[in-house]
Amino acid sequence: MDIVFSIILTAAVVSLLWWRLGRSYRVHPSHADADLKSMDERLENAQMEMEHHRDAVFDAMTDGILICSLKGEILFWNSACRRMFQLPETLPDHLTLLEAIRLHEVQEVFQRTIEKGRMMGVHFKPRGAEALHLMLNAVLVHHSSGKPDSVLLNFHDLTQLKELENARRDFVANVSHELRTPLSMIKGFVETIMDHPKMEEETLMNFLGKVQKHSDRLALLVGDLLTISKLESSQATVNLHEVSLFEEVSRVMNDMDRAARVKGVTLKIDISDAIKVKADPGLLEQMIINLVDNAIKYGSTDGCVEVCGSCNGNGQVCVSVKDDGPGIPPEALDRIFERFFRVDKARSRAQGGTGLGLSIVKHIAQTLGGRVWVESQLGKGTTFFFTLILSEESHSQSQLTLEETRSAVKV
């Protein structure tokens, strides 16, 4: 289509120049040679400008664009097409479509487009690029005279959409599994109670306790699902306030003290009470609870969990939650913040986790303008880090302290 437009525009420019040149000849015949030379230069410049504009437009596109003659020789390809099929920067003479891409599916679409005039929505995966999913649309381009001139092929990258679809499918499968387990347990105990209404009181209370336990797990899972759904869709209500980091962490540590004492874990805080951050108190509390709870659950018995915080000099404070547990395998570190990912599935379910806690932590950190990451060594424990934005007062104070430190070093 762009070729047709270029041809029409060029013809219009040529006609206008010839009209003006003919008029000039009638008035000044002696200027004919100079005008002809000038017209050639202007036509050449106009053609170069149009080709440059075409290339710039096509190279800015994320879709791969490839134009072939009716014989299959490639006339043009854009940057996206080069990246998709790892093609060279320069276009060799008389290079055919099959020689360049080496995919019979594409060659077949090209031939059928010449016959039918249009081919839409053809899906395929290039060999050698397992993760790449493409949709090919092709159309027959006609000359201004109405005769077929070339074939334009458009390659649309569906890889990200496929990844999202796979993630959605996995999410639905995981949610179904996580919901089915407590529901099945509740259903089984209730049916047993109904079938034996005169069972002993001790057995009845034991069964009701199991029902309550799995009901709580179900409620926790539903709550986490709603939380992560709001965070991912940016629908979570965020009320930013100046918050004392030490006070927030201390409150969480007090709430977690009972669980820590049951396992013999010592809780420590190393945060200056002068540090204030700009955060939503509720979201911040939820993030700290998830990390400290994980550290207690998966840390060593009679071990230690320590929460530290310090300014990093960039208007942020870096908070760390460290345990002395068995650590996380290196191959699992990149997936640790994925929904429902568990390093040890059996142990995680025994601990009563939903598999969503760290994913919630990641989204809360991003919502509050920071980030989260993890470092771990097998047998030496795990440390989770996240950053928060300092309040203006704390940021100014940290800058002043930094300048004083630099001055002391110079002295």
Protein backbone atom coordinates (compact mmCIF):
# COMPACT_ATOMS: atom_id res chain seq x y z
CA MET A 1 0.00 0.00 0.00
CA ASP A 2 2.91 2.31 0.76
CA ILE A 3 4.44 1.48 -2.64
CA VAL A 4 1.22 2.51 -4.40
CA PHE A 5 1.13 5.77 -2.45
CA SER A 6 4.76 6.48 -3.36
CA ILE A 7 4.10 5.82 -7.05
CA ILE A 8 1.04 8.09 -7.11
CA LEU A 9 2.85 10.87 -5.27
CA THR A 10 5.88 10.60 -7.55
CA ALA A 11 3.69 10.76 -10.65
CA ALA A 12 1.96 13.89 -9.32
CA VAL A 13 5.30 15.57 -8.61
CA VAL A 14 6.61 14.68 -12.07
CA SER A 15 3.46 16.02 -13.77
CA LEU A 16 3.67 19.30 -11.87
CA LEU A 17 7.33 19.73 -12.66
CA TRP A 18 6.79 18.98 -16.35
CA TRP A 19 3.96 21.53 -16.51
CA ARG A 20 6.08 24.21 -14.91
CA LEU A 21 9.06 23.26 -17.07
CA GLY A 22 7.04 23.40 -20.30
CA ARG A 23 5.79 26.84 -19.40
CA SER A 24 9.34 27.95 -18.66
CA TYR A 25 10.51 26.63 -22.02
CA ARG A 26 7.98 28.74 -23.87
CA VAL A 27 9.22 31.86 -22.10
CA HIS A 28 12.95 31.06 -21.80
CA PRO A 29 13.99 28.23 -24.17
CA SER A 30 17.66 28.81 -23.34
CA HIS A 31 17.08 27.62 -19.78
CA ALA A 32 16.03 24.11 -20.88
CA ASP A 33 19.26 22.29 -19.92
CA ALA A 34 19.50 23.94 -16.50
CA ASP A 35 15.84 23.25 -15.76
CA LEU A 36 16.11 19.61 -16.79
CA LYS A 37 19.10 19.12 -14.48
CA SER A 38 17.31 20.89 -11.64
CA MET A 39 14.20 18.74 -12.18
CA ASP A 40 16.27 15.55 -12.07
CA GLU A 41 17.85 16.61 -8.78
CA ARG A 42 14.50 17.55 -7.26
CA LEU A 43 12.93 14.25 -8.35
CA GLU A 44 15.85 12.33 -6.90
CA ASN A 45 15.65 14.24 -3.62
CA ALA A 46 11.87 13.74 -3.43
CA GLN A 47 12.28 9.99 -4.05
CA MET A 48 14.99 9.73 -1.36
CA GLU A 49 12.85 11.69 1.09
CA MET A 50 9.84 9.43 0.51
CA GLU A 51 11.95 6.29 0.95
CA HIS A 52 13.46 7.69 4.15
CA HIS A 53 9.99 8.54 5.48
CA ARG A 54 8.72 5.05 4.59
CA ASP A 55 11.66 3.36 6.30
CA ALA A 56 11.28 5.52 9.42
CA VAL A 57 7.56 4.72 9.70
CA PHE A 58 8.02 0.97 9.20
CA ASP A 59 11.03 0.77 11.53
CA ALA A 60 9.00 2.42 14.30
CA MET A 61 6.43 -0.39 14.10
CA THR A 62 6.53 -3.36 16.47
CA ASP A 63 5.05 -5.62 13.78
CA GLY A 64 7.37 -7.19 11.25
CA ILE A 65 6.74 -5.84 7.72
CA LEU A 66 8.04 -7.59 4.61
CA ILE A 67 7.26 -6.72 0.97
CA CYS A 68 7.88 -9.16 -1.89
CA SER A 69 7.55 -9.00 -5.64
CA LEU A 70 5.16 -11.43 -7.30
CA LYS A 71 8.17 -13.61 -8.07
CA GLY A 72 8.93 -13.90 -4.36
CA GLU A 73 11.96 -11.58 -4.35
CA ILE A 74 12.15 -9.43 -1.21
CA LEU A 75 11.85 -5.70 -1.85
CA PHE A 76 11.82 -4.43 1.74
CA TRP A 77 11.84 -5.52 5.38
CA ASN A 78 11.73 -3.42 8.53
CA SER A 79 13.73 -3.60 11.76
CA ALA A 80 11.11 -5.68 13.61
CA CYS A 81 11.17 -8.27 10.85
CA ARG A 82 14.96 -8.43 10.99
CA ARG A 83 14.84 -9.05 14.73
CA MET A 84 12.14 -11.73 14.48
CA PHE A 85 13.98 -13.80 11.87
CA GLN A 86 17.56 -12.66 12.57
CA LEU A 87 17.98 -11.19 9.08
CA PRO A 88 20.97 -9.07 7.99
CA GLU A 89 20.94 -5.27 8.00
CA THR A 90 21.39 -4.97 4.24
CA LEU A 91 19.10 -6.60 1.68
CA PRO A 92 20.99 -8.89 -0.76
CA ASP A 93 20.01 -8.65 -4.43
CA HIS A 94 17.32 -11.04 -5.65
CA LEU A 95 16.93 -12.68 -2.22
CA THR A 96 13.71 -14.69 -2.16
CA LEU A 97 11.22 -15.08 0.70
CA LEU A 98 11.99 -18.78 1.14
CA GLU A 99 15.75 -18.16 1.15
CA ALA A 100 15.46 -15.44 3.81
CA ILE A 101 12.97 -16.98 6.24
CA ARG A 102 13.16 -20.69 5.32
CA LEU A 103 9.65 -21.43 6.50
CA HIS A 104 7.34 -23.30 4.14
CA GLU A 105 4.33 -22.02 6.11
CA VAL A 106 5.20 -18.44 5.15
CA GLN A 107 5.90 -19.42 1.54
CA GLU A 108 2.51 -21.14 1.35
CA VAL A 109 0.76 -18.02 2.70
CA PHE A 110 2.61 -15.93 0.07
CA GLN A 111 1.42 -18.20 -2.79
CA ARG A 112 -2.17 -18.34 -1.55
CA THR A 113 -2.23 -14.54 -1.14
CA ILE A 114 -1.34 -14.15 -4.83
CA GLU A 115 -4.25 -16.46 -5.68
CA LYS A 116 -6.86 -15.15 -3.23
CA GLY A 117 -5.72 -11.55 -2.68
CA ARG A 118 -5.65 -11.79 1.12
CA MET A 119 -4.71 -14.20 3.92
CA MET A 120 -5.51 -13.29 7.55
CA GLY A 121 -4.81 -14.73 10.99
CA VAL A 122 -2.32 -17.51 10.17
CA HIS A 123 -0.58 -18.65 13.40
CA PHE A 124 2.83 -20.32 13.46
CA LYS A 125 6.01 -20.72 15.53
CA PRO A 126 9.37 -20.15 13.80
CA ARG A 127 11.78 -23.03 14.18
CA GLY A 128 14.71 -22.27 16.45
CA ALA A 129 12.65 -19.76 18.46
CA GLU A 130 10.51 -21.92 20.72
CA ALA A 131 9.14 -19.02 22.77
CA LEU A 132 8.09 -16.98 19.72
CA HIS A 133 4.44 -17.04 18.59
CA LEU A 134 3.54 -15.10 15.43
CA MET A 135 0.36 -14.29 13.53
CA LEU A 136 0.78 -13.64 9.80
CA ASN A 137 -1.50 -11.42 7.72
CA ALA A 138 -0.80 -10.95 4.00
CA VAL A 139 -2.38 -8.80 1.30
CA LEU A 140 -1.88 -8.44 -2.43
CA VAL A 141 -0.87 -4.87 -3.36
CA HIS A 142 -2.03 -3.52 -6.73
CA HIS A 143 -0.40 -1.02 -9.08
CA SER A 144 -2.19 2.22 -9.90
CA SER A 145 -3.16 0.57 -13.17
CA GLY A 146 -5.03 -2.09 -11.23
CA LYS A 147 -2.57 -4.91 -11.88
CA PRO A 148 -1.08 -6.91 -8.98
CA ASP A 149 2.27 -5.43 -8.02
CA SER A 150 3.59 -7.01 -4.80
CA VAL A 151 2.66 -8.85 -1.61
CA LEU A 152 2.82 -7.25 1.82
CA LEU A 153 3.30 -9.61 4.79
CA ASN A 154 2.62 -8.47 8.34
CA PHE A 155 4.05 -10.53 11.24
CA HIS A 156 2.38 -9.77 14.58
CA ASP A 157 4.16 -11.01 17.72
CA LEU A 158 1.73 -12.87 20.00
CA THR A 159 4.40 -14.12 22.41
CA GLN A 160 3.39 -11.85 25.29
CA LEU A 161 -0.28 -12.65 24.84
CA LYS A 162 0.51 -16.37 24.85
CA GLU A 163 2.55 -15.96 28.04
CA LEU A 164 -0.33 -14.09 29.67
CA GLU A 165 -2.76 -16.79 28.55
CA ASN A 166 -0.51 -19.50 29.99
CA ALA A 167 -0.17 -17.54 33.24
CA ARG A 168 -3.97 -17.17 33.42
CA ARG A 169 -4.44 -20.89 32.78
CA ASP A 170 -1.87 -21.80 35.44
CA PHE A 171 -3.46 -19.35 37.87
CA VAL A 172 -6.92 -20.83 37.40
CA ALA A 173 -5.53 -24.36 37.80
CA ASN A 174 -3.66 -23.41 40.98
CA VAL A 175 -6.63 -21.57 42.49
CA SER A 176 -8.90 -24.52 41.71
CA HIS A 177 -6.48 -26.90 43.40
CA GLU A 178 -5.96 -24.68 46.45
CA LEU A 179 -9.71 -24.17 46.90
CA ARG A 180 -10.58 -27.80 46.31
CA THR A 181 -8.34 -29.13 49.09
CA PRO A 182 -9.93 -27.33 52.09
CA LEU A 183 -13.41 -27.65 50.57
CA SER A 184 -12.97 -31.40 50.23
CA MET A 185 -11.79 -31.68 53.83
CA ILE A 186 -14.69 -29.59 55.14
CA LYS A 187 -17.19 -31.57 53.07
CA GLY A 188 -15.76 -34.89 54.30
CA PHE A 189 -15.89 -33.98 58.00
CA VAL A 190 -19.40 -32.48 57.74
CA GLU A 191 -20.70 -35.60 55.95
CA THR A 192 -19.14 -37.82 58.63
CA ILE A 193 -20.80 -35.76 61.38
CA MET A 194 -24.17 -35.95 59.60
CA ASP A 195 -23.86 -39.72 59.12
CA HIS A 196 -23.01 -40.21 62.81
CA PRO A 197 -25.07 -37.62 64.74
CA LYS A 198 -24.61 -39.53 68.02
CA MET A 199 -20.82 -39.74 67.94
CA GLU A 200 -18.88 -39.06 71.11
CA GLU A 201 -18.50 -35.43 72.09
CA GLU A 202 -14.69 -35.61 72.02
CA THR A 203 -14.68 -36.98 68.46
CA LEU A 204 -17.29 -34.42 67.41
CA MET A 205 -15.25 -31.52 68.77
CA ASN A 206 -12.16 -32.91 67.04
CA PHE A 207 -14.00 -33.01 63.70
CA LEU A 208 -15.43 -29.51 64.22
CA GLY A 209 -11.92 -28.28 64.98
CA LYS A 210 -10.76 -29.70 61.65
CA VAL A 211 -13.65 -27.98 59.89
CA GLN A 212 -12.74 -24.67 61.53
CA LYS A 213 -9.07 -25.08 60.58
CA HIS A 214 -9.82 -25.65 56.90
CA SER A 215 -12.46 -22.92 56.91
CA ASP A 216 -9.84 -20.49 58.20
CA ARG A 217 -7.44 -21.63 55.50
CA LEU A 218 -10.13 -21.12 52.88
CA ALA A 219 -10.93 -17.64 54.17
CA LEU A 220 -7.23 -16.74 54.17
CA LEU A 221 -6.83 -17.92 50.59
CA VAL A 222 -9.87 -15.96 49.39
CA GLY A 223 -8.60 -12.87 51.21
CA ASP A 224 -5.17 -13.17 49.59
CA LEU A 225 -6.75 -13.67 46.17
CA LEU A 226 -8.81 -10.50 46.57
CA THR A 227 -5.75 -8.57 47.78
CA ILE A 228 -3.52 -9.61 44.88
CA SER A 229 -6.33 -8.99 42.39
CA LYS A 230 -6.72 -5.40 43.62
CA LEU A 231 -2.97 -4.80 43.61
CA GLU A 232 -2.48 -6.17 40.10
CA SER A 233 -5.40 -4.18 38.70
CA SER A 234 -4.29 -0.98 40.50
CA GLN A 235 -7.66 -0.87 42.29
CA ALA A 236 -6.18 -0.99 45.78
CA THR A 237 -6.86 2.14 47.82
CA VAL A 238 -3.52 3.70 48.76
CA ASN A 239 -3.40 6.36 51.49
CA LEU A 240 0.16 7.63 51.82
CA HIS A 241 1.18 9.05 55.19
CA GLU A 242 4.39 9.83 57.02
CA VAL A 243 4.98 6.64 59.00
CA SER A 244 7.61 5.76 61.60
CA LEU A 245 9.29 2.63 60.26
CA PHE A 246 10.51 1.56 63.71
CA GLU A 247 7.01 1.79 65.19
CA GLU A 248 5.44 -0.21 62.34
CA VAL A 249 8.04 -2.97 62.55
CA SER A 250 7.80 -3.04 66.38
CA ARG A 251 4.03 -3.45 66.20
CA VAL A 252 4.37 -6.40 63.82
CA MET A 253 7.09 -7.98 65.97
CA ASN A 254 4.85 -7.76 69.02
CA ASP A 255 2.01 -9.44 67.11
CA MET A 256 4.34 -12.20 65.90
CA ASP A 257 6.00 -12.73 69.29
CA ARG A 258 3.77 -15.64 70.28
CA ALA A 259 4.43 -17.58 67.06
CA ALA A 260 8.15 -16.91 67.45
CA ARG A 261 8.24 -18.13 71.06
CA VAL A 262 6.47 -21.38 70.13
CA LYS A 263 9.35 -22.14 67.77
CA GLY A 264 12.02 -20.66 70.04
CA VAL A 265 12.86 -17.90 67.54
CA THR A 266 14.39 -14.63 68.76
CA LEU A 267 13.09 -11.45 67.08
CA LYS A 268 15.45 -8.48 66.64
CA ILE A 269 15.05 -4.95 65.27
CA ASP A 270 17.84 -2.70 64.06
CA ILE A 271 16.11 0.44 62.79
CA SER A 272 16.58 4.03 63.88
CA ASP A 273 13.44 5.54 65.37
CA ALA A 274 14.21 8.72 63.40
CA ILE A 275 13.47 7.06 60.03
CA LYS A 276 10.08 8.00 58.64
CA VAL A 277 8.75 6.76 55.32
CA LYS A 278 5.97 7.77 52.96
CA ALA A 279 3.70 4.72 52.88
CA ASP A 280 0.24 3.32 53.38
CA PRO A 281 0.27 1.97 56.98
CA GLY A 282 -2.04 -0.94 56.19
CA LEU A 283 -0.11 -2.11 53.13
CA LEU A 284 3.23 -1.64 54.88
CA GLU A 285 2.05 -3.69 57.84
CA GLN A 286 0.80 -6.47 55.56
CA MET A 287 4.13 -6.60 53.74
CA ILE A 288 6.17 -6.80 56.96
CA ILE A 289 3.83 -9.42 58.44
CA ASN A 290 4.20 -11.67 55.38
CA LEU A 291 7.99 -11.45 55.42
CA VAL A 292 8.42 -11.90 59.19
CA ASP A 293 5.87 -14.74 59.23
CA ASN A 294 7.78 -16.50 56.43
CA ALA A 295 11.08 -15.99 58.26
CA ILE A 296 9.66 -17.58 61.42
CA LYS A 297 8.00 -20.48 59.57
CA TYR A 298 10.94 -21.40 57.35
CA GLY A 299 13.80 -20.31 59.59
CA SER A 300 15.62 -22.56 62.04
CA THR A 301 14.09 -23.71 65.30
CA ASP A 302 15.63 -21.72 68.19
CA GLY A 303 17.03 -19.39 65.52
CA CYS A 304 16.86 -15.65 64.96
CA VAL A 305 14.86 -13.31 62.72
CA GLU A 306 16.22 -9.78 62.34
CA VAL A 307 14.64 -6.76 60.66
CA CYS A 308 17.05 -3.95 59.71
CA GLY A 309 16.57 -0.63 57.98
CA SER A 310 18.92 2.06 56.70
CA CYS A 311 18.85 5.01 54.29
CA ASN A 312 20.55 4.36 50.96
CA GLY A 313 21.20 8.00 50.05
CA ASN A 314 18.75 8.02 47.12
CA GLY A 315 15.71 9.22 49.00
CA GLN A 316 14.85 5.66 49.99
CA VAL A 317 15.27 3.33 52.93
CA CYS A 318 16.27 -0.29 52.41
CA VAL A 319 14.63 -2.77 54.80
CA SER A 320 15.86 -6.34 55.22
CA VAL A 321 14.23 -9.35 56.89
CA LYS A 322 16.82 -12.03 57.65
CA ASP A 323 16.49 -15.58 58.92
CA ASP A 324 19.03 -18.33 59.59
CA GLY A 325 17.08 -21.16 57.96
CA PRO A 326 18.13 -23.72 55.34
CA GLY A 327 18.08 -21.17 52.53
CA ILE A 328 16.57 -21.20 49.04
CA PRO A 329 18.08 -23.14 46.10
CA PRO A 330 19.62 -20.83 43.45
CA GLU A 331 17.30 -22.15 40.72
CA ALA A 332 14.25 -21.09 42.77
CA LEU A 333 15.32 -17.49 43.48
CA ASP A 334 14.03 -16.11 40.17
CA ARG A 335 10.57 -17.64 40.75
CA ILE A 336 10.18 -17.01 44.47
CA PHE A 337 7.77 -14.06 43.94
CA GLU A 338 5.50 -15.94 41.51
CA ARG A 339 1.95 -16.70 42.58
CA PHE A 340 1.59 -20.17 44.15
CA PHE A 341 5.27 -20.99 43.66
CA ARG A 342 6.64 -23.06 46.54
CA VAL A 343 10.20 -24.25 47.06
CA ASP A 344 8.99 -27.15 49.21
CA LYS A 345 5.32 -27.80 48.48
CA ALA A 346 4.79 -30.36 51.22
CA ARG A 347 6.37 -28.17 53.91
CA SER A 348 4.55 -25.04 52.74
CA ARG A 349 1.13 -26.69 52.91
CA ALA A 350 1.97 -28.16 56.31
CA GLN A 351 2.78 -24.62 57.49
CA GLY A 352 -0.61 -23.41 56.20
CA GLY A 353 0.61 -20.94 53.57
CA THR A 354 -1.47 -19.94 50.54
CA GLY A 355 1.45 -19.51 48.17
CA LEU A 356 0.48 -15.87 47.54
CA GLY A 357 2.32 -14.08 50.36
CA LEU A 358 5.53 -13.18 48.50
CA SER A 359 3.63 -12.22 45.37
CA ILE A 360 1.58 -9.82 47.52
CA VAL A 361 4.82 -8.45 49.01
CA LYS A 362 6.17 -7.75 45.52
CA HIS A 363 3.04 -5.90 44.42
CA ILE A 364 2.82 -3.88 47.64
CA ALA A 365 6.46 -2.81 47.29
CA GLN A 366 5.80 -1.67 43.72
CA THR A 367 2.59 0.08 44.74
CA LEU A 368 4.51 2.02 47.39
CA GLY A 369 7.14 3.10 44.85
CA GLY A 370 9.85 0.61 45.80
CA ARG A 371 11.04 -2.85 44.83
CA VAL A 372 11.77 -6.18 46.47
CA TRP A 373 14.45 -8.83 45.99
CA VAL A 374 15.96 -11.82 47.79
CA GLU A 375 19.42 -13.18 48.56
CA SER A 376 20.04 -16.64 49.94
CA GLN A 377 22.71 -19.26 50.52
CA LEU A 378 21.92 -22.89 51.22
CA GLY A 379 22.54 -23.69 54.85
CA LYS A 380 23.13 -20.03 55.76
CA GLY A 381 19.68 -18.48 55.64
CA THR A 382 17.69 -16.07 53.49
CA THR A 383 17.35 -12.29 53.44
CA PHE A 384 14.48 -10.45 51.79
CA PHE A 385 15.01 -6.78 50.92
CA PHE A 386 12.54 -4.06 49.99
CA THR A 387 12.79 -0.31 49.54
CA LEU A 388 10.46 2.48 50.67
CA ILE A 389 10.36 6.18 49.93
CA LEU A 390 11.70 8.37 52.73
CA SER A 391 9.57 11.21 54.03
CA GLU A 392 10.84 14.68 53.11
CA GLU A 393 12.06 15.28 56.67
CA SER A 394 13.99 11.99 56.84
CA HIS A 395 15.40 12.51 53.35
CA SER A 396 16.72 15.96 54.27
CA GLN A 397 18.22 14.56 57.47
CA SER A 398 19.87 11.67 55.63
CA GLN A 399 21.40 14.07 53.10
CA LEU A 400 22.76 16.19 55.94
CA THR A 401 24.23 13.14 57.66
CA LEU A 402 25.81 12.04 54.37
CA GLU A 403 27.47 15.44 53.91
CA GLU A 404 28.80 15.34 57.47
CA THR A 405 30.24 11.86 56.84
CA ARG A 406 31.97 13.03 53.67
CA SER A 407 33.41 16.04 55.46
CA ALA A 408 34.74 13.82 58.27
CA VAL A 409 36.39 11.52 55.71
CA LYS A 410 38.08 14.46 53.99
CA VAL A 411 39.43 15.75 57.32
